[in-house]
Amino acid sequence: MPVIEAWINQTLKESEFFAVRGALAQDRGTRNPLEDYAVDRFSLKSLGLSDPQIDSYYTSLYVNTIGFYSRIRELVDSHTTRSKLQQQTSTKHDSKGSLISALWKVYAILFEYSF
């Protein structure tokens, strides 16, 4: 799954560039972000995980991230939501970006505290 691993690493690098809270911003030289979190292929294999298990983990990250984002976009792009955002009535969200960000934040909080 080199393509998915590359996507994950690139997304993590972008999160550092945009100073996303919780991102490990480091001067890593040639290391990839997955190495900084110790969830790169080598680290996971050293813990006894097989290549198919690691591929499954990386694929799950990709599928769930893209799937959830698509669902958020469907909600935000719905006619009712669009109308309310344009009218800016009874909501603190003045743009689609603001609403998307809030939906992601709630998801991240729930995910982080669910275990």
N, C-alpha and C. Protein backbone atom coordinates (compact mmCIF):
# COMPACT_ATOMS: atom_id res chain seq x y z
N MET A 1 0.80 -1.20 0.00
CA MET A 1 0.00 0.00 0.00
C MET A 1 0.85 1.27 0.00
N PRO A 2 1.84 1.35 -0.85
CA PRO A 2 2.70 2.55 -0.85
C PRO A 2 1.94 3.84 -1.14
N VAL A 3 0.90 3.78 -1.95
CA VAL A 3 0.14 4.99 -2.28
C VAL A 3 -0.57 5.52 -1.05
N ILE A 4 -1.20 4.64 -0.30
CA ILE A 4 -1.93 5.06 0.90
C ILE A 4 -0.96 5.55 1.97
N GLU A 5 0.18 4.86 2.13
CA GLU A 5 1.20 5.32 3.09
C GLU A 5 1.68 6.72 2.71
N ALA A 6 1.90 6.94 1.42
CA ALA A 6 2.34 8.27 0.95
C ALA A 6 1.28 9.32 1.25
N TRP A 7 -0.01 8.98 1.05
CA TRP A 7 -1.10 9.92 1.33
C TRP A 7 -1.12 10.27 2.82
N ILE A 8 -0.98 9.26 3.68
CA ILE A 8 -0.99 9.50 5.12
C ILE A 8 0.17 10.41 5.51
N ASN A 9 1.37 10.10 5.03
CA ASN A 9 2.54 10.93 5.35
C ASN A 9 2.37 12.35 4.84
N GLN A 10 1.86 12.50 3.62
CA GLN A 10 1.68 13.84 3.06
C GLN A 10 0.64 14.63 3.86
N THR A 11 -0.43 13.98 4.25
CA THR A 11 -1.47 14.64 5.04
C THR A 11 -0.92 15.07 6.40
N LEU A 12 -0.13 14.21 7.02
CA LEU A 12 0.47 14.58 8.31
C LEU A 12 1.45 15.75 8.15
N LYS A 13 2.21 15.76 7.07
CA LYS A 13 3.12 16.89 6.81
C LYS A 13 2.33 18.18 6.64
N GLU A 14 1.23 18.10 5.90
CA GLU A 14 0.40 19.30 5.71
C GLU A 14 -0.18 19.78 7.03
N SER A 15 -0.54 18.86 7.91
CA SER A 15 -1.10 19.26 9.20
C SER A 15 -0.06 20.04 10.01
N GLU A 16 1.20 19.67 9.87
CA GLU A 16 2.26 20.42 10.55
C GLU A 16 2.40 21.80 9.94
N PHE A 17 2.37 21.87 8.62
CA PHE A 17 2.52 23.14 7.92
C PHE A 17 1.42 24.11 8.33
N PHE A 18 0.20 23.61 8.46
CA PHE A 18 -0.93 24.45 8.84
C PHE A 18 -1.11 24.55 10.35
N ALA A 19 -0.14 24.03 11.10
CA ALA A 19 -0.13 24.12 12.57
C ALA A 19 -1.41 23.56 13.20
N VAL A 20 -1.84 22.41 12.70
CA VAL A 20 -3.01 21.75 13.28
C VAL A 20 -2.65 21.30 14.69
N ARG A 21 -3.54 21.62 15.64
CA ARG A 21 -3.28 21.27 17.03
C ARG A 21 -3.12 19.76 17.16
N GLY A 22 -2.09 19.34 17.87
CA GLY A 22 -1.83 17.93 18.08
C GLY A 22 -0.85 17.33 17.09
N ALA A 23 -0.56 18.05 16.02
CA ALA A 23 0.39 17.54 15.03
C ALA A 23 1.81 17.67 15.59
N LEU A 24 2.61 16.66 15.35
CA LEU A 24 3.99 16.69 15.81
C LEU A 24 4.84 17.44 14.80
N ALA A 25 5.06 18.70 15.03
CA ALA A 25 5.90 19.49 14.14
C ALA A 25 7.35 19.32 14.54
N GLN A 26 8.11 18.67 13.68
CA GLN A 26 9.50 18.40 14.00
C GLN A 26 10.37 18.61 12.78
N ASP A 27 11.62 18.90 13.04
CA ASP A 27 12.61 18.91 11.97
C ASP A 27 13.08 17.47 11.83
N ARG A 28 12.49 16.74 10.93
CA ARG A 28 12.71 15.30 10.86
C ARG A 28 13.75 14.89 9.84
N GLY A 29 14.27 15.82 9.06
CA GLY A 29 15.22 15.42 8.03
C GLY A 29 14.54 14.55 6.99
N THR A 30 15.00 13.31 6.86
CA THR A 30 14.43 12.42 5.85
C THR A 30 13.35 11.49 6.41
N ARG A 31 13.10 11.58 7.71
CA ARG A 31 12.06 10.72 8.30
C ARG A 31 10.68 11.16 7.85
N ASN A 32 9.78 10.20 7.79
CA ASN A 32 8.38 10.49 7.49
C ASN A 32 7.60 10.69 8.78
N PRO A 33 6.48 11.41 8.71
CA PRO A 33 5.68 11.63 9.91
C PRO A 33 5.25 10.34 10.60
N LEU A 34 4.94 9.30 9.85
CA LEU A 34 4.54 8.04 10.48
C LEU A 34 5.64 7.53 11.41
N GLU A 35 6.89 7.80 11.08
CA GLU A 35 8.00 7.40 11.95
C GLU A 35 7.98 8.18 13.26
N ASP A 36 7.61 9.46 13.20
CA ASP A 36 7.55 10.29 14.41
C ASP A 36 6.48 9.78 15.38
N TYR A 37 5.41 9.23 14.84
CA TYR A 37 4.34 8.68 15.66
C TYR A 37 4.59 7.20 15.98
N ALA A 38 5.67 6.66 15.44
CA ALA A 38 6.05 5.25 15.62
C ALA A 38 4.97 4.29 15.12
N VAL A 39 4.31 4.68 14.04
CA VAL A 39 3.35 3.79 13.39
C VAL A 39 3.73 3.58 11.92
N ASP A 40 5.01 3.76 11.63
CA ASP A 40 5.52 3.44 10.30
C ASP A 40 5.60 1.92 10.18
N ARG A 41 5.78 1.44 8.98
CA ARG A 41 5.78 -0.01 8.73
C ARG A 41 6.84 -0.72 9.55
N PHE A 42 8.06 -0.16 9.62
CA PHE A 42 9.13 -0.81 10.37
C PHE A 42 8.78 -0.94 11.85
N SER A 43 8.28 0.14 12.44
CA SER A 43 7.92 0.12 13.87
C SER A 43 6.81 -0.88 14.15
N LEU A 44 5.80 -0.91 13.29
CA LEU A 44 4.69 -1.83 13.50
C LEU A 44 5.13 -3.29 13.31
N LYS A 45 6.01 -3.52 12.32
CA LYS A 45 6.52 -4.88 12.13
C LYS A 45 7.34 -5.33 13.33
N SER A 46 8.08 -4.40 13.94
CA SER A 46 8.89 -4.76 15.11
C SER A 46 8.01 -5.12 16.31
N LEU A 47 6.74 -4.71 16.28
CA LEU A 47 5.78 -5.07 17.32
C LEU A 47 5.05 -6.38 17.01
N GLY A 48 5.39 -6.97 15.87
CA GLY A 48 4.81 -8.26 15.52
C GLY A 48 3.67 -8.22 14.52
N LEU A 49 3.34 -7.05 14.02
CA LEU A 49 2.27 -6.97 13.02
C LEU A 49 2.79 -7.42 11.66
N SER A 50 1.92 -8.04 10.90
CA SER A 50 2.29 -8.51 9.56
C SER A 50 2.01 -7.41 8.53
N ASP A 51 2.58 -7.57 7.34
CA ASP A 51 2.31 -6.61 6.27
C ASP A 51 0.82 -6.49 5.96
N PRO A 52 0.07 -7.60 5.86
CA PRO A 52 -1.37 -7.46 5.62
C PRO A 52 -2.10 -6.70 6.74
N GLN A 53 -1.70 -6.90 7.99
CA GLN A 53 -2.32 -6.16 9.09
C GLN A 53 -2.00 -4.67 8.99
N ILE A 54 -0.77 -4.35 8.66
CA ILE A 54 -0.36 -2.95 8.53
C ILE A 54 -1.08 -2.30 7.35
N ASP A 55 -1.17 -3.03 6.23
CA ASP A 55 -1.91 -2.52 5.07
C ASP A 55 -3.36 -2.26 5.43
N SER A 56 -3.95 -3.16 6.21
CA SER A 56 -5.34 -3.01 6.64
C SER A 56 -5.51 -1.76 7.51
N TYR A 57 -4.56 -1.53 8.41
CA TYR A 57 -4.59 -0.34 9.27
C TYR A 57 -4.51 0.93 8.43
N TYR A 58 -3.55 0.99 7.51
CA TYR A 58 -3.40 2.18 6.66
C TYR A 58 -4.63 2.39 5.78
N THR A 59 -5.16 1.30 5.24
CA THR A 59 -6.36 1.40 4.41
C THR A 59 -7.54 1.91 5.23
N SER A 60 -7.68 1.43 6.46
CA SER A 60 -8.75 1.91 7.34
C SER A 60 -8.63 3.40 7.61
N LEU A 61 -7.42 3.87 7.86
CA LEU A 61 -7.23 5.31 8.07
C LEU A 61 -7.71 6.10 6.86
N TYR A 62 -7.33 5.64 5.69
CA TYR A 62 -7.71 6.34 4.46
C TYR A 62 -9.22 6.29 4.23
N VAL A 63 -9.78 5.10 4.25
CA VAL A 63 -11.20 4.91 3.94
C VAL A 63 -12.08 5.67 4.93
N ASN A 64 -11.78 5.55 6.21
CA ASN A 64 -12.61 6.22 7.21
C ASN A 64 -12.47 7.73 7.16
N THR A 65 -11.27 8.22 6.91
CA THR A 65 -11.08 9.66 6.81
C THR A 65 -11.82 10.23 5.61
N ILE A 66 -11.61 9.64 4.45
CA ILE A 66 -12.26 10.13 3.24
C ILE A 66 -13.77 9.93 3.32
N GLY A 67 -14.20 8.80 3.85
CA GLY A 67 -15.63 8.53 3.98
C GLY A 67 -16.33 9.51 4.90
N PHE A 68 -15.72 9.79 6.04
CA PHE A 68 -16.33 10.72 6.98
C PHE A 68 -16.35 12.13 6.40
N TYR A 69 -15.27 12.52 5.73
CA TYR A 69 -15.24 13.84 5.10
C TYR A 69 -16.34 13.95 4.03
N SER A 70 -16.53 12.89 3.26
CA SER A 70 -17.58 12.90 2.24
C SER A 70 -18.96 13.08 2.88
N ARG A 71 -19.18 12.42 4.00
CA ARG A 71 -20.46 12.55 4.70
C ARG A 71 -20.66 13.97 5.22
N ILE A 72 -19.61 14.56 5.76
CA ILE A 72 -19.69 15.95 6.21
C ILE A 72 -20.03 16.87 5.05
N ARG A 73 -19.37 16.65 3.91
CA ARG A 73 -19.64 17.50 2.74
C ARG A 73 -21.10 17.37 2.30
N GLU A 74 -21.64 16.14 2.35
CA GLU A 74 -23.05 15.96 2.00
C GLU A 74 -23.95 16.77 2.92
N LEU A 75 -23.65 16.76 4.20
CA LEU A 75 -24.45 17.52 5.16
C LEU A 75 -24.36 19.02 4.88
N VAL A 76 -23.16 19.49 4.69
CA VAL A 76 -22.94 20.92 4.50
C VAL A 76 -23.48 21.40 3.16
N ASP A 77 -23.40 20.54 2.17
CA ASP A 77 -23.86 20.93 0.83
C ASP A 77 -25.36 20.77 0.64
N SER A 78 -26.05 20.26 1.64
CA SER A 78 -27.50 20.09 1.50
C SER A 78 -28.15 21.45 1.32
N HIS A 79 -29.28 21.45 0.68
CA HIS A 79 -29.98 22.70 0.36
C HIS A 79 -30.31 23.51 1.61
N THR A 80 -30.81 22.87 2.64
CA THR A 80 -31.21 23.57 3.86
C THR A 80 -30.00 24.24 4.51
N THR A 81 -28.92 23.49 4.64
CA THR A 81 -27.72 24.04 5.27
C THR A 81 -27.19 25.22 4.47
N ARG A 82 -27.17 25.06 3.15
CA ARG A 82 -26.69 26.14 2.29
C ARG A 82 -27.52 27.40 2.49
N SER A 83 -28.83 27.23 2.53
CA SER A 83 -29.73 28.39 2.70
C SER A 83 -29.49 29.07 4.03
N LYS A 84 -29.37 28.31 5.10
CA LYS A 84 -29.15 28.89 6.42
C LYS A 84 -27.81 29.62 6.49
N LEU A 85 -26.78 29.04 5.90
CA LEU A 85 -25.47 29.70 5.92
C LEU A 85 -25.52 31.01 5.14
N GLN A 86 -26.26 31.02 4.04
CA GLN A 86 -26.37 32.25 3.25
C GLN A 86 -27.13 33.32 4.02
N GLN A 87 -28.15 32.91 4.78
CA GLN A 87 -28.93 33.86 5.56
C GLN A 87 -28.23 34.25 6.86
N GLN A 88 -27.32 33.40 7.32
CA GLN A 88 -26.57 33.61 8.56
C GLN A 88 -27.50 33.90 9.74
N THR A 89 -28.55 33.11 9.85
CA THR A 89 -29.48 33.28 10.96
C THR A 89 -29.32 32.15 11.95
N SER A 90 -29.38 32.47 13.19
CA SER A 90 -29.37 31.53 14.31
C SER A 90 -28.26 30.48 14.24
N THR A 91 -27.11 30.89 13.80
CA THR A 91 -25.96 29.99 13.78
C THR A 91 -24.68 30.79 13.92
N LYS A 92 -23.68 30.19 14.52
CA LYS A 92 -22.41 30.89 14.65
C LYS A 92 -21.51 30.61 13.45
N HIS A 93 -21.97 29.77 12.55
CA HIS A 93 -21.18 29.43 11.37
C HIS A 93 -21.55 30.36 10.23
N ASP A 94 -20.57 31.11 9.78
CA ASP A 94 -20.83 32.04 8.69
C ASP A 94 -20.31 31.53 7.35
N SER A 95 -19.79 30.29 7.35
CA SER A 95 -19.30 29.72 6.10
C SER A 95 -19.33 28.20 6.19
N LYS A 96 -19.23 27.56 5.04
CA LYS A 96 -19.15 26.10 5.01
C LYS A 96 -17.90 25.63 5.75
N GLY A 97 -16.80 26.35 5.56
CA GLY A 97 -15.55 25.96 6.20
C GLY A 97 -15.66 25.95 7.72
N SER A 98 -16.35 26.91 8.26
CA SER A 98 -16.54 26.99 9.71
C SER A 98 -17.34 25.79 10.21
N LEU A 99 -18.40 25.43 9.49
CA LEU A 99 -19.22 24.29 9.88
C LEU A 99 -18.45 22.97 9.73
N ILE A 100 -17.73 22.81 8.62
CA ILE A 100 -16.92 21.60 8.41
C ILE A 100 -15.90 21.45 9.53
N SER A 101 -15.24 22.53 9.88
CA SER A 101 -14.24 22.50 10.95
C SER A 101 -14.86 22.07 12.27
N ALA A 102 -16.02 22.62 12.59
CA ALA A 102 -16.69 22.27 13.85
C ALA A 102 -17.11 20.80 13.87
N LEU A 103 -17.63 20.29 12.76
CA LEU A 103 -18.02 18.88 12.70
C LEU A 103 -16.81 17.96 12.89
N TRP A 104 -15.68 18.31 12.28
CA TRP A 104 -14.45 17.53 12.45
C TRP A 104 -13.97 17.59 13.89
N LYS A 105 -14.02 18.76 14.50
CA LYS A 105 -13.55 18.89 15.89
C LYS A 105 -14.36 18.03 16.84
N VAL A 106 -15.68 18.02 16.65
CA VAL A 106 -16.52 17.18 17.50
C VAL A 106 -16.16 15.71 17.30
N TYR A 107 -15.98 15.30 16.06
CA TYR A 107 -15.59 13.91 15.76
C TYR A 107 -14.26 13.58 16.45
N ALA A 108 -13.29 14.46 16.33
CA ALA A 108 -11.97 14.21 16.92
C ALA A 108 -12.05 14.10 18.44
N ILE A 109 -12.85 14.95 19.06
CA ILE A 109 -12.99 14.89 20.53
C ILE A 109 -13.66 13.58 20.93
N LEU A 110 -14.73 13.22 20.25
CA LEU A 110 -15.42 11.97 20.57
C LEU A 110 -14.52 10.76 20.35
N PHE A 111 -13.76 10.79 19.27
CA PHE A 111 -12.85 9.68 18.99
C PHE A 111 -11.77 9.57 20.04
N GLU A 112 -11.19 10.70 20.40
CA GLU A 112 -10.09 10.70 21.36
C GLU A 112 -10.52 10.18 22.73
N TYR A 113 -11.74 10.52 23.13
CA TYR A 113 -12.19 10.15 24.46
C TYR A 113 -13.09 8.91 24.48
N SER A 114 -13.12 8.18 23.40
CA SER A 114 -13.99 7.00 23.34
C SER A 114 -13.33 5.73 23.86
N PHE A 115 -12.06 5.80 24.21
CA PHE A 115 -11.42 4.58 24.71
C PHE A 115 -11.00 4.71 26.15
